[in-house]
Amino acid sequence: MMGDIENIEEIVVQTTRKVPAGVPNWGAATVIGLFAGMLYGGSKEASASVSKDAEVMLKLGSTPDKREQYRLMRDAMEKRFIRVTRGSIVGGVRLGMFSGAFCGLQNLLAEKRGVHDVFNVVAAGSATAATFGMILPGSLLWRARNVMLGSVMGAAICFPLGWLHLKLVEKANEGSMAVAAVEAGDTTENKSNVGAAIGRLEGHMGK
């Protein structure tokens, strides 16, 4: 019976393992990247459609037939909707995959190494950028160049960003620990005051 209880406690401890401070949430980062990519891709395609809308307006001005004008406007709106939708989907998938892979690699490295530091961020950024450089269309030489460039650029960009992020996390943890210590001190003082008051009351009652 005691052996079963110890095994259950060990399983609970393993499953509730504390995540190192600063490790990003993989799911939340993926969802945020997905929506950010959709917003960026849709707005980019919408702004690129301005010149094409101007061409449609010129055609409308040179077409006296109302039916032809209606057809041109309908075709222009359909094409614009398709372009914006395609841009949103492609942008969301790309940025969502990038942020998901980046944060997933950070979580994996933090779990394997047992610590989350700037080297995890650098390694995750370099590997993710190199992977996305490899899957870009082009020849093998072009992909190899993209892998090397992505690896270097990912490490160079992620090092200062990761260092700054971890410093901010440390400052936030220090502030929360200080607040917790002050609250714990206040609680202890209140308990001691209550205990002293109870002791004085008991003394008076004893007399």
N, C-alpha and C. Protein backbone atom coordinates (compact mmCIF):
# COMPACT_ATOMS: atom_id res chain seq x y z
N MET A 1 0.83 -1.20 0.00
CA MET A 1 0.00 0.00 0.00
C MET A 1 0.86 1.25 0.00
N MET A 2 1.86 1.27 0.89
CA MET A 2 2.77 2.42 0.95
C MET A 2 3.55 2.57 -0.34
N GLY A 3 3.92 1.43 -0.96
CA GLY A 3 4.64 1.49 -2.22
C GLY A 3 3.81 2.10 -3.33
N ASP A 4 2.51 1.77 -3.35
CA ASP A 4 1.61 2.35 -4.35
C ASP A 4 1.47 3.84 -4.16
N ILE A 5 1.39 4.28 -2.90
CA ILE A 5 1.26 5.72 -2.62
C ILE A 5 2.52 6.45 -3.07
N GLU A 6 3.69 5.88 -2.82
CA GLU A 6 4.93 6.51 -3.24
C GLU A 6 5.02 6.58 -4.76
N ASN A 7 4.57 5.54 -5.45
CA ASN A 7 4.59 5.57 -6.91
C ASN A 7 3.65 6.65 -7.45
N ILE A 8 2.48 6.79 -6.84
CA ILE A 8 1.53 7.82 -7.27
C ILE A 8 2.12 9.21 -7.04
N GLU A 9 2.76 9.42 -5.88
CA GLU A 9 3.37 10.72 -5.60
C GLU A 9 4.48 11.02 -6.60
N GLU A 10 5.27 10.01 -6.96
CA GLU A 10 6.34 10.21 -7.93
C GLU A 10 5.79 10.60 -9.29
N ILE A 11 4.70 9.94 -9.70
CA ILE A 11 4.07 10.26 -10.99
C ILE A 11 3.53 11.68 -10.97
N VAL A 12 2.90 12.07 -9.86
CA VAL A 12 2.35 13.43 -9.76
C VAL A 12 3.46 14.46 -9.82
N VAL A 13 4.58 14.20 -9.15
CA VAL A 13 5.70 15.13 -9.19
C VAL A 13 6.28 15.26 -10.59
N GLN A 14 6.37 14.14 -11.29
CA GLN A 14 6.91 14.17 -12.65
C GLN A 14 5.98 14.90 -13.60
N THR A 15 4.67 14.70 -13.44
CA THR A 15 3.72 15.35 -14.35
C THR A 15 3.53 16.83 -14.04
N THR A 16 3.76 17.23 -12.78
CA THR A 16 3.63 18.64 -12.39
C THR A 16 4.99 19.29 -12.26
N ARG A 17 5.90 18.95 -13.12
CA ARG A 17 7.23 19.50 -13.09
C ARG A 17 7.20 21.00 -13.38
N LYS A 18 7.92 21.77 -12.62
CA LYS A 18 7.90 23.22 -12.78
C LYS A 18 8.64 23.61 -14.04
N VAL A 19 8.00 24.47 -14.83
CA VAL A 19 8.61 24.94 -16.07
C VAL A 19 9.57 26.07 -15.73
N PRO A 20 10.79 26.09 -16.29
CA PRO A 20 11.72 27.18 -16.02
C PRO A 20 11.12 28.53 -16.39
N ALA A 21 11.54 29.56 -15.66
CA ALA A 21 11.01 30.90 -15.90
C ALA A 21 11.43 31.41 -17.27
N GLY A 22 10.52 32.06 -17.95
CA GLY A 22 10.82 32.65 -19.25
C GLY A 22 10.50 31.76 -20.43
N VAL A 23 10.13 30.50 -20.21
CA VAL A 23 9.79 29.60 -21.32
C VAL A 23 8.43 30.02 -21.88
N PRO A 24 8.35 30.29 -23.17
CA PRO A 24 7.06 30.74 -23.74
C PRO A 24 6.06 29.61 -23.83
N ASN A 25 4.81 29.98 -23.80
CA ASN A 25 3.71 29.02 -23.97
C ASN A 25 3.58 28.71 -25.46
N TRP A 26 3.79 27.44 -25.82
CA TRP A 26 3.81 27.07 -27.24
C TRP A 26 2.47 27.32 -27.91
N GLY A 27 1.38 26.91 -27.25
CA GLY A 27 0.06 27.06 -27.85
C GLY A 27 -0.33 28.52 -28.03
N ALA A 28 -0.13 29.31 -26.99
CA ALA A 28 -0.49 30.73 -27.08
C ALA A 28 0.34 31.45 -28.12
N ALA A 29 1.65 31.15 -28.18
CA ALA A 29 2.50 31.80 -29.17
C ALA A 29 2.10 31.42 -30.59
N THR A 30 1.70 30.17 -30.79
CA THR A 30 1.26 29.75 -32.13
C THR A 30 -0.02 30.47 -32.55
N VAL A 31 -0.97 30.58 -31.63
CA VAL A 31 -2.23 31.26 -31.95
C VAL A 31 -2.00 32.74 -32.23
N ILE A 32 -1.15 33.37 -31.41
CA ILE A 32 -0.84 34.79 -31.63
C ILE A 32 -0.15 34.99 -32.98
N GLY A 33 0.82 34.13 -33.29
CA GLY A 33 1.49 34.21 -34.58
C GLY A 33 0.55 33.99 -35.74
N LEU A 34 -0.40 33.07 -35.57
CA LEU A 34 -1.37 32.80 -36.63
C LEU A 34 -2.22 34.03 -36.93
N PHE A 35 -2.77 34.64 -35.89
CA PHE A 35 -3.63 35.81 -36.11
C PHE A 35 -2.82 37.02 -36.58
N ALA A 36 -1.60 37.18 -36.06
CA ALA A 36 -0.77 38.29 -36.51
C ALA A 36 -0.40 38.13 -37.99
N GLY A 37 -0.09 36.89 -38.39
CA GLY A 37 0.21 36.64 -39.80
C GLY A 37 -0.99 36.86 -40.70
N MET A 38 -2.17 36.47 -40.23
CA MET A 38 -3.38 36.72 -41.01
C MET A 38 -3.64 38.21 -41.17
N LEU A 39 -3.45 38.96 -40.09
CA LEU A 39 -3.65 40.42 -40.17
C LEU A 39 -2.64 41.07 -41.11
N TYR A 40 -1.38 40.66 -41.00
CA TYR A 40 -0.35 41.24 -41.86
C TYR A 40 -0.56 40.87 -43.32
N GLY A 41 -0.83 39.59 -43.58
CA GLY A 41 -1.02 39.16 -44.97
C GLY A 41 -2.24 39.79 -45.61
N GLY A 42 -3.35 39.90 -44.84
CA GLY A 42 -4.54 40.52 -45.40
C GLY A 42 -4.37 41.99 -45.67
N SER A 43 -3.74 42.71 -44.74
CA SER A 43 -3.51 44.15 -44.95
C SER A 43 -2.53 44.40 -46.09
N LYS A 44 -1.55 43.53 -46.24
CA LYS A 44 -0.60 43.69 -47.33
C LYS A 44 -1.28 43.53 -48.69
N GLU A 45 -2.12 42.52 -48.81
CA GLU A 45 -2.83 42.31 -50.08
C GLU A 45 -3.87 43.41 -50.32
N ALA A 46 -4.48 43.90 -49.24
CA ALA A 46 -5.46 44.98 -49.39
C ALA A 46 -4.79 46.26 -49.88
N SER A 47 -3.62 46.57 -49.35
CA SER A 47 -2.91 47.77 -49.81
C SER A 47 -2.39 47.60 -51.24
N ALA A 48 -2.02 46.36 -51.62
CA ALA A 48 -1.55 46.12 -52.98
C ALA A 48 -2.67 46.18 -54.00
N SER A 49 -3.92 46.09 -53.54
CA SER A 49 -5.07 46.12 -54.45
C SER A 49 -5.49 47.53 -54.84
N VAL A 50 -4.85 48.55 -54.26
CA VAL A 50 -5.25 49.92 -54.55
C VAL A 50 -5.00 50.26 -56.01
N SER A 51 -3.83 49.87 -56.52
CA SER A 51 -3.50 50.17 -57.92
C SER A 51 -4.45 49.45 -58.88
N LYS A 52 -4.82 48.22 -58.53
CA LYS A 52 -5.75 47.47 -59.38
C LYS A 52 -7.16 48.06 -59.32
N ASP A 53 -7.53 48.60 -58.17
CA ASP A 53 -8.82 49.27 -58.07
C ASP A 53 -8.85 50.54 -58.93
N ALA A 54 -7.70 51.21 -59.01
CA ALA A 54 -7.64 52.40 -59.86
C ALA A 54 -7.85 52.03 -61.34
N GLU A 55 -7.29 50.90 -61.75
CA GLU A 55 -7.50 50.45 -63.12
C GLU A 55 -8.98 50.15 -63.38
N VAL A 56 -9.63 49.55 -62.40
CA VAL A 56 -11.06 49.26 -62.55
C VAL A 56 -11.87 50.54 -62.66
N MET A 57 -11.51 51.56 -61.89
CA MET A 57 -12.22 52.83 -61.97
C MET A 57 -12.05 53.48 -63.33
N LEU A 58 -10.87 53.35 -63.91
CA LEU A 58 -10.66 53.89 -65.26
C LEU A 58 -11.54 53.16 -66.27
N LYS A 59 -11.64 51.84 -66.12
CA LYS A 59 -12.50 51.08 -67.04
C LYS A 59 -13.97 51.47 -66.86
N LEU A 60 -14.36 51.73 -65.61
CA LEU A 60 -15.74 52.12 -65.38
C LEU A 60 -16.06 53.47 -66.02
N GLY A 61 -15.08 54.38 -65.98
CA GLY A 61 -15.29 55.69 -66.58
C GLY A 61 -15.41 55.64 -68.08
N SER A 62 -14.75 54.64 -68.69
CA SER A 62 -14.80 54.54 -70.15
C SER A 62 -15.89 53.60 -70.65
N THR A 63 -16.71 53.05 -69.74
CA THR A 63 -17.77 52.12 -70.12
C THR A 63 -19.13 52.75 -69.82
N PRO A 64 -19.91 53.12 -70.83
CA PRO A 64 -21.21 53.75 -70.58
C PRO A 64 -22.30 52.76 -70.17
N ASP A 65 -22.12 51.49 -70.51
CA ASP A 65 -23.16 50.51 -70.23
C ASP A 65 -23.22 50.21 -68.73
N LYS A 66 -24.42 50.30 -68.12
CA LYS A 66 -24.59 50.07 -66.70
C LYS A 66 -24.34 48.60 -66.34
N ARG A 67 -24.78 47.69 -67.18
CA ARG A 67 -24.56 46.27 -66.91
C ARG A 67 -23.07 45.92 -66.92
N GLU A 68 -22.37 46.50 -67.88
CA GLU A 68 -20.92 46.25 -67.94
C GLU A 68 -20.22 46.85 -66.74
N GLN A 69 -20.66 48.01 -66.28
CA GLN A 69 -20.07 48.60 -65.08
C GLN A 69 -20.32 47.73 -63.86
N TYR A 70 -21.56 47.23 -63.75
CA TYR A 70 -21.89 46.35 -62.63
C TYR A 70 -21.04 45.08 -62.66
N ARG A 71 -20.84 44.51 -63.85
CA ARG A 71 -20.02 43.29 -63.98
C ARG A 71 -18.58 43.56 -63.60
N LEU A 72 -18.03 44.70 -64.03
CA LEU A 72 -16.65 45.05 -63.70
C LEU A 72 -16.49 45.23 -62.18
N MET A 73 -17.45 45.94 -61.56
CA MET A 73 -17.38 46.14 -60.12
C MET A 73 -17.47 44.82 -59.37
N ARG A 74 -18.36 43.94 -59.80
CA ARG A 74 -18.52 42.65 -59.14
C ARG A 74 -17.26 41.80 -59.27
N ASP A 75 -16.68 41.77 -60.49
CA ASP A 75 -15.44 41.01 -60.70
C ASP A 75 -14.30 41.58 -59.87
N ALA A 76 -14.21 42.91 -59.80
CA ALA A 76 -13.14 43.53 -59.02
C ALA A 76 -13.28 43.21 -57.54
N MET A 77 -14.50 43.26 -57.01
CA MET A 77 -14.71 42.96 -55.60
C MET A 77 -14.44 41.48 -55.30
N GLU A 78 -14.83 40.60 -56.19
CA GLU A 78 -14.55 39.18 -55.98
C GLU A 78 -13.06 38.89 -55.99
N LYS A 79 -12.35 39.49 -56.96
CA LYS A 79 -10.91 39.26 -57.03
C LYS A 79 -10.19 39.85 -55.81
N ARG A 80 -10.66 41.01 -55.36
CA ARG A 80 -10.03 41.60 -54.18
C ARG A 80 -10.29 40.74 -52.95
N PHE A 81 -11.49 40.24 -52.80
CA PHE A 81 -11.80 39.37 -51.67
C PHE A 81 -10.94 38.12 -51.69
N ILE A 82 -10.78 37.53 -52.87
CA ILE A 82 -9.95 36.31 -52.99
C ILE A 82 -8.50 36.61 -52.65
N ARG A 83 -7.98 37.75 -53.14
CA ARG A 83 -6.58 38.10 -52.86
C ARG A 83 -6.36 38.33 -51.37
N VAL A 84 -7.26 39.08 -50.74
CA VAL A 84 -7.11 39.36 -49.31
C VAL A 84 -7.24 38.07 -48.48
N THR A 85 -8.19 37.23 -48.85
CA THR A 85 -8.36 35.96 -48.12
C THR A 85 -7.14 35.07 -48.28
N ARG A 86 -6.62 34.97 -49.52
CA ARG A 86 -5.43 34.15 -49.74
C ARG A 86 -4.23 34.70 -48.97
N GLY A 87 -4.07 36.02 -49.00
CA GLY A 87 -2.97 36.62 -48.25
C GLY A 87 -3.08 36.39 -46.76
N SER A 88 -4.30 36.47 -46.22
CA SER A 88 -4.49 36.23 -44.79
C SER A 88 -4.16 34.79 -44.42
N ILE A 89 -4.63 33.84 -45.24
CA ILE A 89 -4.38 32.43 -44.93
C ILE A 89 -2.89 32.10 -45.03
N VAL A 90 -2.27 32.55 -46.11
CA VAL A 90 -0.84 32.25 -46.30
C VAL A 90 0.00 32.91 -45.21
N GLY A 91 -0.29 34.18 -44.91
CA GLY A 91 0.46 34.87 -43.86
C GLY A 91 0.26 34.24 -42.50
N GLY A 92 -0.98 33.86 -42.19
CA GLY A 92 -1.23 33.22 -40.90
C GLY A 92 -0.54 31.88 -40.75
N VAL A 93 -0.57 31.07 -41.83
CA VAL A 93 0.08 29.77 -41.77
C VAL A 93 1.59 29.92 -41.62
N ARG A 94 2.17 30.84 -42.37
CA ARG A 94 3.62 31.01 -42.31
C ARG A 94 4.08 31.49 -40.93
N LEU A 95 3.48 32.58 -40.46
CA LEU A 95 3.91 33.11 -39.17
C LEU A 95 3.51 32.19 -38.02
N GLY A 96 2.35 31.52 -38.13
CA GLY A 96 1.96 30.57 -37.10
C GLY A 96 2.92 29.39 -37.01
N MET A 97 3.32 28.86 -38.17
CA MET A 97 4.29 27.76 -38.17
C MET A 97 5.64 28.21 -37.62
N PHE A 98 6.06 29.43 -38.00
CA PHE A 98 7.36 29.92 -37.52
C PHE A 98 7.35 30.09 -36.00
N SER A 99 6.32 30.78 -35.47
CA SER A 99 6.26 31.01 -34.03
C SER A 99 6.07 29.70 -33.26
N GLY A 100 5.27 28.77 -33.83
CA GLY A 100 5.08 27.48 -33.18
C GLY A 100 6.37 26.67 -33.12
N ALA A 101 7.11 26.64 -34.23
CA ALA A 101 8.38 25.91 -34.25
C ALA A 101 9.40 26.55 -33.33
N PHE A 102 9.45 27.88 -33.33
CA PHE A 102 10.42 28.60 -32.50
C PHE A 102 10.17 28.35 -31.01
N CYS A 103 8.92 28.51 -30.58
CA CYS A 103 8.61 28.30 -29.17
C CYS A 103 8.66 26.82 -28.78
N GLY A 104 8.28 25.93 -29.72
CA GLY A 104 8.38 24.51 -29.44
C GLY A 104 9.82 24.06 -29.22
N LEU A 105 10.74 24.58 -30.03
CA LEU A 105 12.16 24.24 -29.84
C LEU A 105 12.68 24.79 -28.52
N GLN A 106 12.22 25.98 -28.13
CA GLN A 106 12.64 26.52 -26.83
C GLN A 106 12.16 25.62 -25.69
N ASN A 107 10.91 25.18 -25.76
CA ASN A 107 10.39 24.29 -24.73
C ASN A 107 11.16 22.97 -24.68
N LEU A 108 11.47 22.43 -25.87
CA LEU A 108 12.20 21.17 -25.93
C LEU A 108 13.60 21.31 -25.34
N LEU A 109 14.30 22.37 -25.70
CA LEU A 109 15.65 22.59 -25.17
C LEU A 109 15.62 22.84 -23.66
N ALA A 110 14.63 23.60 -23.19
CA ALA A 110 14.53 23.85 -21.75
C ALA A 110 14.24 22.56 -20.99
N GLU A 111 13.43 21.68 -21.58
CA GLU A 111 13.13 20.41 -20.92
C GLU A 111 14.34 19.48 -20.90
N LYS A 112 15.07 19.44 -22.01
CA LYS A 112 16.24 18.55 -22.08
C LYS A 112 17.39 19.05 -21.22
N ARG A 113 17.62 20.37 -21.22
CA ARG A 113 18.75 20.92 -20.47
C ARG A 113 18.42 21.21 -19.02
N GLY A 114 17.13 21.34 -18.71
CA GLY A 114 16.74 21.64 -17.35
C GLY A 114 16.87 23.09 -16.97
N VAL A 115 17.18 23.95 -17.92
CA VAL A 115 17.32 25.38 -17.65
C VAL A 115 16.96 26.14 -18.92
N HIS A 116 16.43 27.34 -18.73
CA HIS A 116 16.09 28.18 -19.89
C HIS A 116 16.95 29.43 -19.85
N ASP A 117 17.84 29.54 -20.83
CA ASP A 117 18.73 30.69 -20.90
C ASP A 117 18.75 31.21 -22.33
N VAL A 118 19.66 32.16 -22.56
CA VAL A 118 19.72 32.80 -23.88
C VAL A 118 20.18 31.84 -24.96
N PHE A 119 20.92 30.79 -24.58
CA PHE A 119 21.39 29.83 -25.58
C PHE A 119 20.23 29.01 -26.16
N ASN A 120 19.20 28.76 -25.35
CA ASN A 120 18.02 28.10 -25.90
C ASN A 120 17.33 28.96 -26.95
N VAL A 121 17.23 30.25 -26.68
CA VAL A 121 16.60 31.18 -27.63
C VAL A 121 17.41 31.26 -28.91
N VAL A 122 18.74 31.36 -28.78
CA VAL A 122 19.61 31.46 -29.95
C VAL A 122 19.53 30.18 -30.78
N ALA A 123 19.60 29.03 -30.13
CA ALA A 123 19.54 27.76 -30.87
C ALA A 123 18.19 27.58 -31.55
N ALA A 124 17.11 27.93 -30.87
CA ALA A 124 15.78 27.79 -31.46
C ALA A 124 15.61 28.73 -32.64
N GLY A 125 16.05 29.97 -32.51
CA GLY A 125 15.94 30.93 -33.61
C GLY A 125 16.78 30.53 -34.80
N SER A 126 18.00 30.07 -34.55
CA SER A 126 18.87 29.65 -35.64
C SER A 126 18.31 28.44 -36.37
N ALA A 127 17.85 27.44 -35.62
CA ALA A 127 17.31 26.23 -36.25
C ALA A 127 16.02 26.51 -37.01
N THR A 128 15.16 27.35 -36.44
CA THR A 128 13.89 27.66 -37.12
C THR A 128 14.13 28.44 -38.41
N ALA A 129 15.00 29.44 -38.35
CA ALA A 129 15.29 30.22 -39.56
C ALA A 129 15.96 29.37 -40.62
N ALA A 130 16.86 28.47 -40.20
CA ALA A 130 17.52 27.59 -41.16
C ALA A 130 16.53 26.63 -41.81
N THR A 131 15.59 26.12 -41.02
CA THR A 131 14.58 25.20 -41.56
C THR A 131 13.68 25.89 -42.58
N PHE A 132 13.24 27.08 -42.26
CA PHE A 132 12.38 27.80 -43.20
C PHE A 132 13.16 28.25 -44.44
N GLY A 133 14.45 28.50 -44.28
CA GLY A 133 15.26 28.80 -45.45
C GLY A 133 15.44 27.59 -46.35
N MET A 134 15.43 26.39 -45.76
CA MET A 134 15.60 25.18 -46.54
C MET A 134 14.36 24.84 -47.36
N ILE A 135 13.16 25.18 -46.84
CA ILE A 135 11.93 24.81 -47.54
C ILE A 135 11.50 25.86 -48.56
N LEU A 136 12.23 26.95 -48.69
CA LEU A 136 11.91 27.94 -49.70
C LEU A 136 12.18 27.38 -51.10
N PRO A 137 11.40 27.78 -52.09
CA PRO A 137 11.62 27.26 -53.44
C PRO A 137 12.93 27.75 -54.02
N GLY A 138 13.55 26.90 -54.85
CA GLY A 138 14.81 27.26 -55.49
C GLY A 138 15.70 26.05 -55.65
N SER A 139 16.86 26.29 -56.20
CA SER A 139 17.83 25.20 -56.40
C SER A 139 18.47 24.79 -55.08
N LEU A 140 19.23 23.68 -55.13
CA LEU A 140 19.90 23.21 -53.92
C LEU A 140 20.92 24.22 -53.42
N LEU A 141 21.64 24.84 -54.35
CA LEU A 141 22.62 25.85 -53.96
C LEU A 141 21.94 27.05 -53.30
N TRP A 142 20.80 27.43 -53.87
CA TRP A 142 20.07 28.56 -53.30
C TRP A 142 19.52 28.21 -51.92
N ARG A 143 19.05 26.98 -51.74
CA ARG A 143 18.53 26.57 -50.44
C ARG A 143 19.66 26.46 -49.41
N ALA A 144 20.82 25.98 -49.84
CA ALA A 144 21.95 25.91 -48.92
C ALA A 144 22.37 27.30 -48.46
N ARG A 145 22.34 28.24 -49.41
CA ARG A 145 22.66 29.63 -49.06
C ARG A 145 21.63 30.18 -48.07
N ASN A 146 20.35 29.88 -48.29
CA ASN A 146 19.30 30.34 -47.38
C ASN A 146 19.44 29.71 -45.99
N VAL A 147 19.85 28.45 -45.94
CA VAL A 147 20.05 27.79 -44.66
C VAL A 147 21.16 28.46 -43.87
N MET A 148 22.28 28.72 -44.52
CA MET A 148 23.41 29.36 -43.84
C MET A 148 23.04 30.78 -43.40
N LEU A 149 22.42 31.52 -44.31
CA LEU A 149 22.06 32.89 -43.98
C LEU A 149 21.00 32.93 -42.88
N GLY A 150 20.00 32.04 -42.95
CA GLY A 150 18.98 31.99 -41.92
C GLY A 150 19.53 31.60 -40.56
N SER A 151 20.48 30.67 -40.56
CA SER A 151 21.07 30.24 -39.30
C SER A 151 21.82 31.39 -38.63
N VAL A 152 22.61 32.10 -39.41
CA VAL A 152 23.39 33.22 -38.86
C VAL A 152 22.47 34.36 -38.43
N MET A 153 21.54 34.72 -39.29
CA MET A 153 20.64 35.83 -38.99
C MET A 153 19.74 35.50 -37.79
N GLY A 154 19.26 34.25 -37.72
CA GLY A 154 18.43 33.87 -36.59
C GLY A 154 19.16 33.97 -35.27
N ALA A 155 20.42 33.50 -35.25
CA ALA A 155 21.21 33.58 -34.02
C ALA A 155 21.53 35.03 -33.67
N ALA A 156 21.86 35.85 -34.69
CA ALA A 156 22.22 37.24 -34.44
C ALA A 156 21.04 38.05 -33.93
N ILE A 157 19.84 37.76 -34.42
CA ILE A 157 18.66 38.51 -33.98
C ILE A 157 18.15 38.02 -32.64
N CYS A 158 18.18 36.70 -32.42
CA CYS A 158 17.61 36.13 -31.20
C CYS A 158 18.48 36.33 -29.98
N PHE A 159 19.79 36.53 -30.16
CA PHE A 159 20.65 36.68 -28.98
C PHE A 159 20.29 37.92 -28.16
N PRO A 160 20.27 39.13 -28.76
CA PRO A 160 19.89 40.30 -27.93
C PRO A 160 18.44 40.26 -27.47
N LEU A 161 17.54 39.75 -28.33
CA LEU A 161 16.14 39.68 -27.93
C LEU A 161 15.94 38.69 -26.78
N GLY A 162 16.59 37.53 -26.87
CA GLY A 162 16.49 36.55 -25.80
C GLY A 162 17.09 37.04 -24.50
N TRP A 163 18.23 37.72 -24.59
CA TRP A 163 18.88 38.26 -23.39
C TRP A 163 17.98 39.30 -22.73
N LEU A 164 17.40 40.20 -23.53
CA LEU A 164 16.52 41.22 -22.98
C LEU A 164 15.27 40.60 -22.36
N HIS A 165 14.70 39.58 -23.04
CA HIS A 165 13.51 38.92 -22.52
C HIS A 165 13.78 38.25 -21.17
N LEU A 166 14.89 37.55 -21.06
CA LEU A 166 15.21 36.86 -19.80
C LEU A 166 15.51 37.85 -18.68
N LYS A 167 16.14 38.98 -19.01
CA LYS A 167 16.39 40.00 -17.99
C LYS A 167 15.08 40.59 -17.47
N LEU A 168 14.14 40.83 -18.37
CA LEU A 168 12.83 41.33 -17.95
C LEU A 168 12.10 40.32 -17.08
N VAL A 169 12.23 39.03 -17.43
CA VAL A 169 11.60 37.98 -16.62
C VAL A 169 12.22 37.94 -15.23
N GLU A 170 13.54 38.07 -15.16
CA GLU A 170 14.22 38.08 -13.86
C GLU A 170 13.76 39.26 -13.01
N LYS A 171 13.67 40.42 -13.62
CA LYS A 171 13.21 41.60 -12.87
C LYS A 171 11.78 41.41 -12.37
N ALA A 172 10.92 40.85 -13.23
CA ALA A 172 9.54 40.61 -12.83
C ALA A 172 9.46 39.60 -11.69
N ASN A 173 10.29 38.55 -11.73
CA ASN A 173 10.29 37.56 -10.66
C ASN A 173 10.82 38.15 -9.35
N GLU A 174 11.85 39.01 -9.45
CA GLU A 174 12.36 39.66 -8.24
C GLU A 174 11.29 40.54 -7.60
N GLY A 175 10.56 41.28 -8.44
CA GLY A 175 9.50 42.13 -7.90
C GLY A 175 8.39 41.33 -7.25
N SER A 176 7.99 40.22 -7.88
CA SER A 176 6.92 39.39 -7.30
C SER A 176 7.39 38.73 -6.00
N MET A 177 8.67 38.31 -5.95
CA MET A 177 9.18 37.71 -4.72
C MET A 177 9.25 38.74 -3.60
N ALA A 178 9.63 39.99 -3.93
CA ALA A 178 9.68 41.04 -2.90
C ALA A 178 8.29 41.32 -2.36
N VAL A 179 7.31 41.39 -3.25
CA VAL A 179 5.93 41.62 -2.81
C VAL A 179 5.44 40.47 -1.94
N ALA A 180 5.76 39.23 -2.34
CA ALA A 180 5.34 38.07 -1.55
C ALA A 180 6.00 38.08 -0.17
N ALA A 181 7.29 38.49 -0.11
CA ALA A 181 7.98 38.56 1.18
C ALA A 181 7.35 39.60 2.09
N VAL A 182 7.00 40.76 1.52
CA VAL A 182 6.36 41.80 2.33
C VAL A 182 5.00 41.32 2.84
N GLU A 183 4.22 40.68 1.96
CA GLU A 183 2.92 40.16 2.40
C GLU A 183 3.06 39.10 3.46
N ALA A 184 4.08 38.22 3.30
CA ALA A 184 4.31 37.19 4.31
C ALA A 184 4.71 37.82 5.65
N GLY A 185 5.55 38.87 5.61
CA GLY A 185 5.94 39.56 6.84
C GLY A 185 4.75 40.22 7.52
N ASP A 186 3.88 40.84 6.72
CA ASP A 186 2.68 41.46 7.30
C ASP A 186 1.78 40.41 7.93
N THR A 187 1.64 39.26 7.27
CA THR A 187 0.80 38.20 7.82
C THR A 187 1.36 37.68 9.13
N THR A 188 2.70 37.51 9.19
CA THR A 188 3.33 37.03 10.43
C THR A 188 3.16 38.03 11.55
N GLU A 189 3.31 39.32 11.21
CA GLU A 189 3.15 40.36 12.23
C GLU A 189 1.73 40.40 12.75
N ASN A 190 0.76 40.27 11.83
CA ASN A 190 -0.64 40.27 12.26
C ASN A 190 -0.94 39.08 13.16
N LYS A 191 -0.37 37.92 12.79
CA LYS A 191 -0.59 36.73 13.62
C LYS A 191 0.03 36.91 15.00
N SER A 192 1.23 37.52 15.06
CA SER A 192 1.86 37.73 16.36
C SER A 192 1.06 38.72 17.21
N ASN A 193 0.53 39.77 16.58
CA ASN A 193 -0.30 40.72 17.32
C ASN A 193 -1.56 40.07 17.85
N VAL A 194 -2.19 39.24 17.02
CA VAL A 194 -3.39 38.54 17.46
C VAL A 194 -3.06 37.59 18.61
N GLY A 195 -1.92 36.89 18.49
CA GLY A 195 -1.53 35.98 19.56
C GLY A 195 -1.26 36.71 20.87
N ALA A 196 -0.61 37.89 20.77
CA ALA A 196 -0.34 38.67 21.97
C ALA A 196 -1.64 39.16 22.61
N ALA A 197 -2.58 39.59 21.77
CA ALA A 197 -3.86 40.05 22.31
C ALA A 197 -4.61 38.91 23.00
N ILE A 198 -4.57 37.73 22.39
CA ILE A 198 -5.22 36.58 23.02
C ILE A 198 -4.56 36.23 24.33
N GLY A 199 -3.22 36.32 24.36
CA GLY A 199 -2.51 36.02 25.60
C GLY A 199 -2.87 37.00 26.71
N ARG A 200 -2.96 38.30 26.37
CA ARG A 200 -3.34 39.29 27.39
C ARG A 200 -4.77 39.05 27.89
N LEU A 201 -5.66 38.69 26.92
CA LEU A 201 -7.05 38.41 27.32
C LEU A 201 -7.13 37.22 28.25
N GLU A 202 -6.36 36.17 27.95
CA GLU A 202 -6.36 35.00 28.83
C GLU A 202 -5.79 35.34 30.21
N GLY A 203 -4.77 36.23 30.22
CA GLY A 203 -4.21 36.64 31.51
C GLY A 203 -5.21 37.38 32.37
N HIS A 204 -5.96 38.30 31.74
CA HIS A 204 -6.99 39.02 32.49
C HIS A 204 -8.10 38.10 32.99
N MET A 205 -8.48 37.14 32.14
CA MET A 205 -9.51 36.21 32.57
C MET A 205 -9.03 35.31 33.70
N GLY A 206 -7.74 34.98 33.70
CA GLY A 206 -7.21 34.15 34.77
C GLY A 206 -7.19 34.86 36.10
N LYS A 207 -7.01 36.19 36.05
CA LYS A 207 -7.04 36.93 37.31
C LYS A 207 -8.46 37.01 37.88
